[in-house]
Amino acid sequence: MAAMTISSLILASSYGVFLSGLNAYKRINIENQLRSEADYLVAAIMNKLYQFSPDGLDMEETTDQQLQFVTDRQKVINPSVGIVEEQKTNGETLTVSLQQDAVLLNGEQLHSALLKIVSSQSELSYRCAKQEDNICRSGVVTIKLSVQDRDHDDPDGLLYIKPFILKNEFGFKRK
């Protein structure tokens, strides 16, 4: 009888430890997926910026939920003199924004099935090193994303994943 009691205590403890380990494994796996998804979003932003090749950041249109990059310069060869001159153009814009728990590039949502951006805890910012009028020509952009798993965002759920912050910084300089 004593052996049965001791065996059942050991089995119950082992079962509890096994379930705790399994839940910890699932939680770590989900957090790693979230990091990968968030890295993918930031890489997509960086690729779009590289393709766009901005001349600066419009400081009047930039907020803590939106960055607006501009292309307003063009190099042109002056045929009479044979030198390259820089001229102002009407320009194009590229907008990165945080809206409704998502990241948008020019109003188009960057899709992620698992990732939820917590907009209230996320932020886009910059530090300007060189400014011309209302355009920041060089500086550092900071993208701070608070991310959470869409399927595990209920605080009362068994596998609740708390939002965590991913912070990315990159410099830019006019060409």
N, C-alpha and C. Protein backbone atom coordinates (compact mmCIF):
# COMPACT_ATOMS: atom_id res chain seq x y z
N MET A 1 0.82 -1.18 0.00
CA MET A 1 0.00 0.00 0.00
C MET A 1 0.87 1.26 0.00
N ALA A 2 1.92 1.25 0.81
CA ALA A 2 2.83 2.40 0.87
C ALA A 2 3.55 2.58 -0.46
N ALA A 3 3.88 1.47 -1.11
CA ALA A 3 4.56 1.53 -2.41
C ALA A 3 3.65 2.16 -3.46
N MET A 4 2.35 1.85 -3.42
CA MET A 4 1.39 2.43 -4.36
C MET A 4 1.27 3.93 -4.14
N THR A 5 1.24 4.36 -2.90
CA THR A 5 1.12 5.78 -2.59
C THR A 5 2.36 6.53 -3.06
N ILE A 6 3.51 5.99 -2.80
CA ILE A 6 4.75 6.64 -3.23
C ILE A 6 4.84 6.67 -4.76
N SER A 7 4.45 5.58 -5.41
CA SER A 7 4.47 5.53 -6.88
C SER A 7 3.53 6.56 -7.48
N SER A 8 2.33 6.71 -6.91
CA SER A 8 1.38 7.68 -7.46
C SER A 8 1.86 9.11 -7.25
N LEU A 9 2.54 9.37 -6.14
CA LEU A 9 3.12 10.71 -5.91
C LEU A 9 4.21 11.01 -6.93
N ILE A 10 5.05 10.02 -7.17
CA ILE A 10 6.14 10.20 -8.14
C ILE A 10 5.57 10.39 -9.54
N LEU A 11 4.58 9.60 -9.92
CA LEU A 11 3.97 9.73 -11.25
C LEU A 11 3.27 11.08 -11.41
N ALA A 12 2.56 11.54 -10.40
CA ALA A 12 1.88 12.84 -10.48
C ALA A 12 2.90 13.96 -10.61
N SER A 13 3.99 13.88 -9.87
CA SER A 13 5.05 14.90 -9.97
C SER A 13 5.70 14.87 -11.35
N SER A 14 5.98 13.66 -11.83
CA SER A 14 6.59 13.52 -13.15
C SER A 14 5.68 14.08 -14.24
N TYR A 15 4.39 13.80 -14.12
CA TYR A 15 3.43 14.30 -15.09
C TYR A 15 3.39 15.84 -15.08
N GLY A 16 3.40 16.42 -13.90
CA GLY A 16 3.40 17.88 -13.77
C GLY A 16 4.65 18.51 -14.38
N VAL A 17 5.80 17.91 -14.11
CA VAL A 17 7.06 18.40 -14.67
C VAL A 17 7.05 18.25 -16.20
N PHE A 18 6.54 17.13 -16.68
CA PHE A 18 6.46 16.91 -18.13
C PHE A 18 5.59 17.96 -18.81
N LEU A 19 4.40 18.23 -18.25
CA LEU A 19 3.50 19.23 -18.83
C LEU A 19 4.12 20.64 -18.77
N SER A 20 4.78 20.96 -17.69
CA SER A 20 5.44 22.27 -17.58
C SER A 20 6.52 22.41 -18.64
N GLY A 21 7.30 21.37 -18.84
CA GLY A 21 8.35 21.39 -19.86
C GLY A 21 7.78 21.50 -21.26
N LEU A 22 6.68 20.81 -21.51
CA LEU A 22 6.04 20.87 -22.82
C LEU A 22 5.49 22.27 -23.10
N ASN A 23 4.86 22.88 -22.11
CA ASN A 23 4.35 24.26 -22.28
C ASN A 23 5.49 25.26 -22.45
N ALA A 24 6.58 25.07 -21.74
CA ALA A 24 7.74 25.96 -21.91
C ALA A 24 8.32 25.82 -23.31
N TYR A 25 8.39 24.59 -23.81
CA TYR A 25 8.87 24.35 -25.17
C TYR A 25 7.99 25.05 -26.19
N LYS A 26 6.66 24.91 -26.05
CA LYS A 26 5.72 25.57 -26.97
C LYS A 26 5.87 27.08 -26.92
N ARG A 27 5.99 27.63 -25.73
CA ARG A 27 6.12 29.08 -25.56
C ARG A 27 7.39 29.60 -26.23
N ILE A 28 8.50 28.92 -26.02
CA ILE A 28 9.77 29.33 -26.63
C ILE A 28 9.68 29.23 -28.15
N ASN A 29 9.05 28.18 -28.66
CA ASN A 29 8.89 28.01 -30.10
C ASN A 29 8.05 29.15 -30.69
N ILE A 30 6.97 29.52 -30.03
CA ILE A 30 6.11 30.61 -30.50
C ILE A 30 6.87 31.93 -30.49
N GLU A 31 7.62 32.20 -29.42
CA GLU A 31 8.40 33.45 -29.34
C GLU A 31 9.46 33.51 -30.44
N ASN A 32 10.10 32.39 -30.74
CA ASN A 32 11.08 32.37 -31.84
C ASN A 32 10.42 32.65 -33.18
N GLN A 33 9.23 32.09 -33.40
CA GLN A 33 8.48 32.38 -34.64
C GLN A 33 8.15 33.86 -34.73
N LEU A 34 7.74 34.45 -33.61
CA LEU A 34 7.41 35.87 -33.61
C LEU A 34 8.62 36.73 -33.96
N ARG A 35 9.77 36.39 -33.40
CA ARG A 35 10.99 37.13 -33.72
C ARG A 35 11.31 37.03 -35.21
N SER A 36 11.17 35.83 -35.76
CA SER A 36 11.43 35.63 -37.19
C SER A 36 10.46 36.45 -38.04
N GLU A 37 9.19 36.46 -37.68
CA GLU A 37 8.18 37.23 -38.42
C GLU A 37 8.48 38.73 -38.33
N ALA A 38 8.84 39.20 -37.14
CA ALA A 38 9.15 40.63 -36.97
C ALA A 38 10.41 40.99 -37.76
N ASP A 39 11.40 40.13 -37.76
CA ASP A 39 12.61 40.37 -38.56
C ASP A 39 12.28 40.44 -40.04
N TYR A 40 11.36 39.59 -40.47
CA TYR A 40 10.92 39.61 -41.86
C TYR A 40 10.27 40.95 -42.21
N LEU A 41 9.42 41.46 -41.32
CA LEU A 41 8.77 42.76 -41.57
C LEU A 41 9.80 43.88 -41.69
N VAL A 42 10.75 43.90 -40.77
CA VAL A 42 11.78 44.95 -40.82
C VAL A 42 12.64 44.80 -42.07
N ALA A 43 12.96 43.56 -42.45
CA ALA A 43 13.74 43.34 -43.68
C ALA A 43 12.96 43.82 -44.90
N ALA A 44 11.65 43.61 -44.91
CA ALA A 44 10.83 44.09 -46.03
C ALA A 44 10.86 45.62 -46.10
N ILE A 45 10.81 46.28 -44.95
CA ILE A 45 10.90 47.74 -44.91
C ILE A 45 12.26 48.20 -45.43
N MET A 46 13.31 47.54 -44.96
CA MET A 46 14.67 47.91 -45.39
C MET A 46 14.85 47.70 -46.89
N ASN A 47 14.34 46.60 -47.43
CA ASN A 47 14.44 46.34 -48.87
C ASN A 47 13.72 47.40 -49.67
N LYS A 48 12.53 47.78 -49.22
CA LYS A 48 11.76 48.81 -49.92
C LYS A 48 12.50 50.15 -49.87
N LEU A 49 13.09 50.47 -48.73
CA LEU A 49 13.86 51.71 -48.61
C LEU A 49 15.09 51.68 -49.52
N TYR A 50 15.73 50.54 -49.60
CA TYR A 50 16.90 50.41 -50.46
C TYR A 50 16.51 50.62 -51.92
N GLN A 51 15.39 50.03 -52.34
CA GLN A 51 14.91 50.21 -53.71
C GLN A 51 14.49 51.64 -53.97
N PHE A 52 13.86 52.27 -52.98
CA PHE A 52 13.35 53.63 -53.14
C PHE A 52 14.49 54.65 -53.15
N SER A 53 15.53 54.38 -52.38
CA SER A 53 16.72 55.23 -52.29
C SER A 53 16.35 56.69 -51.99
N PRO A 54 15.84 56.94 -50.77
CA PRO A 54 15.34 58.28 -50.44
C PRO A 54 16.45 59.32 -50.31
N ASP A 55 16.06 60.57 -50.55
CA ASP A 55 16.97 61.70 -50.34
C ASP A 55 16.86 62.25 -48.92
N GLY A 56 15.82 61.86 -48.21
CA GLY A 56 15.65 62.34 -46.85
C GLY A 56 14.32 61.94 -46.26
N LEU A 57 14.04 62.51 -45.11
CA LEU A 57 12.84 62.22 -44.34
C LEU A 57 12.07 63.52 -44.17
N ASP A 58 10.82 63.54 -44.59
CA ASP A 58 9.98 64.74 -44.46
C ASP A 58 9.58 64.89 -42.99
N MET A 59 10.14 65.89 -42.32
CA MET A 59 9.92 66.05 -40.89
C MET A 59 8.52 66.55 -40.56
N GLU A 60 7.87 67.23 -41.50
CA GLU A 60 6.51 67.72 -41.24
C GLU A 60 5.49 66.59 -41.28
N GLU A 61 5.72 65.57 -42.07
CA GLU A 61 4.78 64.46 -42.22
C GLU A 61 5.11 63.27 -41.33
N THR A 62 6.22 63.35 -40.60
CA THR A 62 6.66 62.23 -39.77
C THR A 62 6.14 62.40 -38.34
N THR A 63 5.56 61.31 -37.80
CA THR A 63 5.05 61.28 -36.43
C THR A 63 5.60 60.03 -35.75
N ASP A 64 5.12 59.77 -34.52
CA ASP A 64 5.57 58.56 -33.83
C ASP A 64 4.90 57.29 -34.38
N GLN A 65 3.94 57.46 -35.31
CA GLN A 65 3.28 56.32 -35.93
C GLN A 65 3.51 56.28 -37.44
N GLN A 66 4.31 57.25 -37.97
CA GLN A 66 4.52 57.31 -39.42
C GLN A 66 5.86 57.97 -39.75
N LEU A 67 6.55 57.38 -40.72
CA LEU A 67 7.76 57.96 -41.28
C LEU A 67 7.50 58.19 -42.77
N GLN A 68 7.82 59.39 -43.26
CA GLN A 68 7.63 59.65 -44.68
C GLN A 68 8.97 60.02 -45.30
N PHE A 69 9.47 59.12 -46.14
CA PHE A 69 10.73 59.33 -46.85
C PHE A 69 10.42 59.99 -48.20
N VAL A 70 11.34 60.84 -48.66
CA VAL A 70 11.12 61.56 -49.92
C VAL A 70 12.32 61.41 -50.85
N THR A 71 12.01 61.48 -52.14
CA THR A 71 13.03 61.56 -53.18
C THR A 71 12.75 62.87 -53.90
N ASP A 72 13.59 63.88 -53.67
CA ASP A 72 13.33 65.20 -54.26
C ASP A 72 14.53 65.79 -54.99
N ARG A 73 15.51 64.96 -55.24
CA ARG A 73 16.72 65.42 -55.96
C ARG A 73 17.02 64.48 -57.10
N GLN A 74 17.59 65.03 -58.16
CA GLN A 74 17.98 64.21 -59.31
C GLN A 74 19.26 64.78 -59.88
N LYS A 75 20.18 63.91 -60.22
CA LYS A 75 21.44 64.35 -60.83
C LYS A 75 21.27 64.36 -62.35
N VAL A 76 21.64 65.49 -62.95
CA VAL A 76 21.47 65.67 -64.39
C VAL A 76 22.79 66.20 -64.95
N ILE A 77 23.16 65.71 -66.14
CA ILE A 77 24.37 66.20 -66.81
C ILE A 77 24.02 67.46 -67.60
N ASN A 78 24.76 68.52 -67.33
CA ASN A 78 24.58 69.77 -68.09
C ASN A 78 25.39 69.62 -69.38
N PRO A 79 24.71 69.50 -70.54
CA PRO A 79 25.43 69.22 -71.79
C PRO A 79 26.34 70.36 -72.24
N SER A 80 26.01 71.58 -71.86
CA SER A 80 26.84 72.69 -72.32
C SER A 80 28.17 72.75 -71.59
N VAL A 81 28.18 72.35 -70.34
CA VAL A 81 29.41 72.39 -69.54
C VAL A 81 30.01 71.01 -69.35
N GLY A 82 29.16 69.98 -69.36
CA GLY A 82 29.64 68.61 -69.20
C GLY A 82 29.83 68.19 -67.76
N ILE A 83 29.19 68.89 -66.83
CA ILE A 83 29.29 68.48 -65.43
C ILE A 83 27.93 68.00 -64.93
N VAL A 84 27.98 67.26 -63.85
CA VAL A 84 26.76 66.74 -63.24
C VAL A 84 26.26 67.76 -62.22
N GLU A 85 24.98 68.11 -62.37
CA GLU A 85 24.35 69.05 -61.44
C GLU A 85 23.18 68.37 -60.76
N GLU A 86 22.92 68.79 -59.55
CA GLU A 86 21.78 68.24 -58.82
C GLU A 86 20.62 69.22 -58.93
N GLN A 87 19.45 68.70 -59.33
CA GLN A 87 18.27 69.53 -59.48
C GLN A 87 17.15 69.01 -58.59
N LYS A 88 16.31 69.95 -58.14
CA LYS A 88 15.14 69.55 -57.37
C LYS A 88 14.09 69.00 -58.32
N THR A 89 13.35 68.01 -57.82
CA THR A 89 12.25 67.42 -58.58
C THR A 89 10.99 67.48 -57.72
N ASN A 90 9.86 67.16 -58.34
CA ASN A 90 8.61 67.10 -57.57
C ASN A 90 8.69 66.02 -56.51
N GLY A 91 9.37 64.97 -56.83
CA GLY A 91 9.65 63.93 -55.84
C GLY A 91 8.54 62.92 -55.65
N GLU A 92 8.95 61.84 -55.05
CA GLU A 92 8.05 60.76 -54.67
C GLU A 92 8.19 60.55 -53.18
N THR A 93 7.23 59.85 -52.59
CA THR A 93 7.29 59.57 -51.16
C THR A 93 7.11 58.08 -50.91
N LEU A 94 7.66 57.63 -49.80
CA LEU A 94 7.47 56.28 -49.29
C LEU A 94 7.10 56.43 -47.83
N THR A 95 5.93 55.94 -47.47
CA THR A 95 5.43 56.09 -46.11
C THR A 95 5.42 54.74 -45.39
N VAL A 96 6.03 54.72 -44.21
CA VAL A 96 6.00 53.56 -43.32
C VAL A 96 5.14 53.98 -42.14
N SER A 97 4.09 53.21 -41.85
CA SER A 97 3.21 53.61 -40.75
C SER A 97 2.74 52.41 -39.94
N LEU A 98 2.31 52.72 -38.72
CA LEU A 98 1.73 51.73 -37.82
C LEU A 98 0.25 52.07 -37.67
N GLN A 99 -0.63 51.17 -38.09
CA GLN A 99 -2.06 51.40 -37.99
C GLN A 99 -2.78 50.08 -37.73
N GLN A 100 -3.76 50.12 -36.85
CA GLN A 100 -4.63 48.97 -36.57
C GLN A 100 -3.84 47.68 -36.38
N ASP A 101 -2.84 47.74 -35.53
CA ASP A 101 -2.03 46.57 -35.18
C ASP A 101 -1.34 45.93 -36.38
N ALA A 102 -0.87 46.78 -37.32
CA ALA A 102 -0.16 46.29 -38.50
C ALA A 102 0.85 47.35 -38.95
N VAL A 103 1.83 46.90 -39.76
CA VAL A 103 2.80 47.79 -40.39
C VAL A 103 2.36 47.99 -41.84
N LEU A 104 2.33 49.25 -42.29
CA LEU A 104 1.91 49.55 -43.65
C LEU A 104 3.03 50.27 -44.39
N LEU A 105 3.22 49.89 -45.65
CA LEU A 105 4.14 50.56 -46.56
C LEU A 105 3.31 51.20 -47.66
N ASN A 106 3.29 52.52 -47.71
CA ASN A 106 2.46 53.26 -48.66
C ASN A 106 1.00 52.79 -48.60
N GLY A 107 0.51 52.58 -47.40
CA GLY A 107 -0.88 52.18 -47.21
C GLY A 107 -1.16 50.70 -47.40
N GLU A 108 -0.17 49.94 -47.85
CA GLU A 108 -0.36 48.51 -48.08
C GLU A 108 0.20 47.73 -46.89
N GLN A 109 -0.65 46.88 -46.32
CA GLN A 109 -0.26 46.14 -45.12
C GLN A 109 0.76 45.06 -45.44
N LEU A 110 1.82 45.00 -44.62
CA LEU A 110 2.77 43.89 -44.70
C LEU A 110 2.14 42.73 -43.93
N HIS A 111 1.86 41.65 -44.62
CA HIS A 111 1.09 40.56 -44.03
C HIS A 111 1.95 39.61 -43.21
N SER A 112 1.37 39.20 -42.11
CA SER A 112 1.93 38.17 -41.27
C SER A 112 0.77 37.48 -40.57
N ALA A 113 0.64 36.19 -40.79
CA ALA A 113 -0.49 35.45 -40.24
C ALA A 113 -0.44 35.37 -38.72
N LEU A 114 0.75 35.26 -38.16
CA LEU A 114 0.87 35.06 -36.72
C LEU A 114 1.09 36.34 -35.94
N LEU A 115 1.73 37.31 -36.57
CA LEU A 115 2.22 38.48 -35.85
C LEU A 115 1.15 39.56 -35.68
N LYS A 116 1.03 40.04 -34.48
CA LYS A 116 0.15 41.17 -34.18
C LYS A 116 1.04 42.28 -33.63
N ILE A 117 0.98 43.46 -34.26
CA ILE A 117 1.74 44.61 -33.78
C ILE A 117 0.87 45.35 -32.77
N VAL A 118 1.36 45.55 -31.57
CA VAL A 118 0.61 46.30 -30.56
C VAL A 118 0.95 47.77 -30.79
N SER A 119 0.09 48.46 -31.56
CA SER A 119 0.36 49.84 -31.99
C SER A 119 0.55 50.80 -30.83
N SER A 120 -0.19 50.59 -29.75
CA SER A 120 -0.09 51.51 -28.61
C SER A 120 1.27 51.45 -27.92
N GLN A 121 2.02 50.36 -28.11
CA GLN A 121 3.33 50.21 -27.50
C GLN A 121 4.46 50.28 -28.52
N SER A 122 4.12 50.47 -29.79
CA SER A 122 5.11 50.54 -30.86
C SER A 122 5.34 51.99 -31.25
N GLU A 123 6.51 52.24 -31.88
CA GLU A 123 6.85 53.63 -32.19
C GLU A 123 7.85 53.70 -33.34
N LEU A 124 7.71 54.72 -34.16
CA LEU A 124 8.66 55.04 -35.22
C LEU A 124 9.25 56.40 -34.88
N SER A 125 10.58 56.51 -34.92
CA SER A 125 11.20 57.80 -34.58
C SER A 125 12.49 57.98 -35.38
N TYR A 126 13.06 59.18 -35.27
CA TYR A 126 14.32 59.47 -35.94
C TYR A 126 15.09 60.52 -35.16
N ARG A 127 16.39 60.54 -35.39
CA ARG A 127 17.28 61.60 -34.88
C ARG A 127 17.96 62.18 -36.10
N CYS A 128 17.81 63.46 -36.28
CA CYS A 128 18.33 64.11 -37.48
C CYS A 128 19.75 64.64 -37.23
N ALA A 129 20.66 64.37 -38.16
CA ALA A 129 22.03 64.87 -38.07
C ALA A 129 22.25 66.04 -39.02
N LYS A 130 21.56 66.05 -40.15
CA LYS A 130 21.69 67.13 -41.13
C LYS A 130 20.32 67.46 -41.69
N GLN A 131 19.96 68.73 -41.62
CA GLN A 131 18.63 69.15 -42.02
C GLN A 131 18.69 70.27 -43.07
N GLU A 132 17.82 70.17 -44.09
CA GLU A 132 17.62 71.24 -45.07
C GLU A 132 16.13 71.54 -45.10
N ASP A 133 15.76 72.74 -44.76
CA ASP A 133 14.34 73.13 -44.67
C ASP A 133 13.61 72.13 -43.78
N ASN A 134 12.56 71.49 -44.29
CA ASN A 134 11.82 70.52 -43.48
C ASN A 134 12.19 69.07 -43.80
N ILE A 135 13.32 68.90 -44.48
CA ILE A 135 13.79 67.56 -44.85
C ILE A 135 15.05 67.21 -44.04
N CYS A 136 14.99 66.07 -43.38
CA CYS A 136 16.17 65.54 -42.69
C CYS A 136 16.97 64.75 -43.71
N ARG A 137 18.19 65.22 -44.02
CA ARG A 137 19.00 64.60 -45.08
C ARG A 137 19.83 63.41 -44.59
N SER A 138 20.16 63.40 -43.31
CA SER A 138 20.87 62.24 -42.75
C SER A 138 20.55 62.14 -41.26
N GLY A 139 20.52 60.91 -40.78
CA GLY A 139 20.19 60.69 -39.38
C GLY A 139 20.04 59.20 -39.08
N VAL A 140 19.36 58.92 -37.99
CA VAL A 140 19.14 57.54 -37.55
C VAL A 140 17.64 57.33 -37.35
N VAL A 141 17.11 56.28 -37.95
CA VAL A 141 15.71 55.91 -37.80
C VAL A 141 15.61 54.75 -36.81
N THR A 142 14.65 54.84 -35.91
CA THR A 142 14.41 53.78 -34.93
C THR A 142 13.01 53.21 -35.15
N ILE A 143 12.94 51.90 -35.30
CA ILE A 143 11.66 51.21 -35.43
C ILE A 143 11.53 50.33 -34.19
N LYS A 144 10.58 50.69 -33.33
CA LYS A 144 10.33 49.93 -32.11
C LYS A 144 8.97 49.25 -32.26
N LEU A 145 8.99 47.93 -32.37
CA LEU A 145 7.76 47.17 -32.56
C LEU A 145 7.47 46.32 -31.33
N SER A 146 6.27 46.46 -30.80
CA SER A 146 5.79 45.57 -29.75
C SER A 146 4.98 44.49 -30.44
N VAL A 147 5.45 43.25 -30.37
CA VAL A 147 4.83 42.16 -31.12
C VAL A 147 4.21 41.13 -30.18
N GLN A 148 3.16 40.50 -30.70
CA GLN A 148 2.45 39.48 -29.93
C GLN A 148 1.87 38.46 -30.90
N ASP A 149 1.70 37.24 -30.45
CA ASP A 149 1.11 36.20 -31.27
C ASP A 149 -0.41 36.37 -31.29
N ARG A 150 -0.99 36.36 -32.47
CA ARG A 150 -2.45 36.55 -32.60
C ARG A 150 -3.25 35.45 -31.91
N ASP A 151 -2.73 34.23 -31.93
CA ASP A 151 -3.47 33.10 -31.36
C ASP A 151 -3.29 32.95 -29.86
N HIS A 152 -2.33 33.67 -29.29
CA HIS A 152 -2.04 33.53 -27.86
C HIS A 152 -1.97 34.89 -27.18
N ASP A 153 -2.97 35.75 -27.45
CA ASP A 153 -2.97 37.10 -26.87
C ASP A 153 -4.00 37.26 -25.76
N ASP A 154 -4.63 36.18 -25.34
CA ASP A 154 -5.60 36.22 -24.25
C ASP A 154 -4.88 35.99 -22.92
N PRO A 155 -4.86 37.00 -22.03
CA PRO A 155 -4.15 36.84 -20.75
C PRO A 155 -4.66 35.67 -19.91
N ASP A 156 -5.88 35.22 -20.15
CA ASP A 156 -6.42 34.09 -19.38
C ASP A 156 -6.16 32.75 -20.05
N GLY A 157 -5.54 32.77 -21.22
CA GLY A 157 -5.27 31.53 -21.96
C GLY A 157 -4.14 30.73 -21.34
N LEU A 158 -4.11 29.44 -21.66
CA LEU A 158 -3.09 28.54 -21.14
C LEU A 158 -1.70 28.92 -21.62
N LEU A 159 -1.57 29.28 -22.90
CA LEU A 159 -0.27 29.64 -23.47
C LEU A 159 -0.23 31.14 -23.82
N TYR A 160 -0.55 32.00 -22.89
CA TYR A 160 -0.52 33.44 -23.12
C TYR A 160 0.92 33.90 -23.36
N ILE A 161 1.13 34.59 -24.45
CA ILE A 161 2.45 35.14 -24.78
C ILE A 161 2.38 36.65 -24.59
N LYS A 162 3.15 37.16 -23.66
CA LYS A 162 3.19 38.61 -23.43
C LYS A 162 3.82 39.30 -24.63
N PRO A 163 3.35 40.52 -24.95
CA PRO A 163 4.01 41.26 -26.03
C PRO A 163 5.47 41.57 -25.65
N PHE A 164 6.35 41.52 -26.62
CA PHE A 164 7.73 41.92 -26.34
C PHE A 164 8.19 42.91 -27.39
N ILE A 165 9.20 43.68 -27.03
CA ILE A 165 9.66 44.80 -27.85
C ILE A 165 10.87 44.38 -28.68
N LEU A 166 10.81 44.70 -29.98
CA LEU A 166 11.95 44.54 -30.87
C LEU A 166 12.32 45.94 -31.36
N LYS A 167 13.57 46.31 -31.19
CA LYS A 167 14.01 47.66 -31.55
C LYS A 167 15.10 47.55 -32.62
N ASN A 168 14.88 48.23 -33.74
CA ASN A 168 15.84 48.24 -34.85
C ASN A 168 16.21 49.69 -35.15
N GLU A 169 17.49 49.92 -35.34
CA GLU A 169 17.97 51.26 -35.70
C GLU A 169 18.84 51.15 -36.94
N PHE A 170 18.69 52.13 -37.82
CA PHE A 170 19.56 52.18 -38.99
C PHE A 170 19.78 53.63 -39.37
N GLY A 171 20.95 53.89 -39.93
CA GLY A 171 21.29 55.25 -40.35
C GLY A 171 20.97 55.45 -41.82
N PHE A 172 20.75 56.71 -42.18
CA PHE A 172 20.55 57.04 -43.59
C PHE A 172 21.28 58.34 -43.87
N LYS A 173 21.69 58.48 -45.11
CA LYS A 173 22.42 59.66 -45.54
C LYS A 173 22.07 59.92 -46.99
N ARG A 174 21.90 61.17 -47.31
CA ARG A 174 21.58 61.55 -48.69
C ARG A 174 22.69 61.08 -49.61
N LYS A 175 22.28 60.61 -50.78
CA LYS A 175 23.25 60.09 -51.76
C LYS A 175 24.21 61.16 -52.19
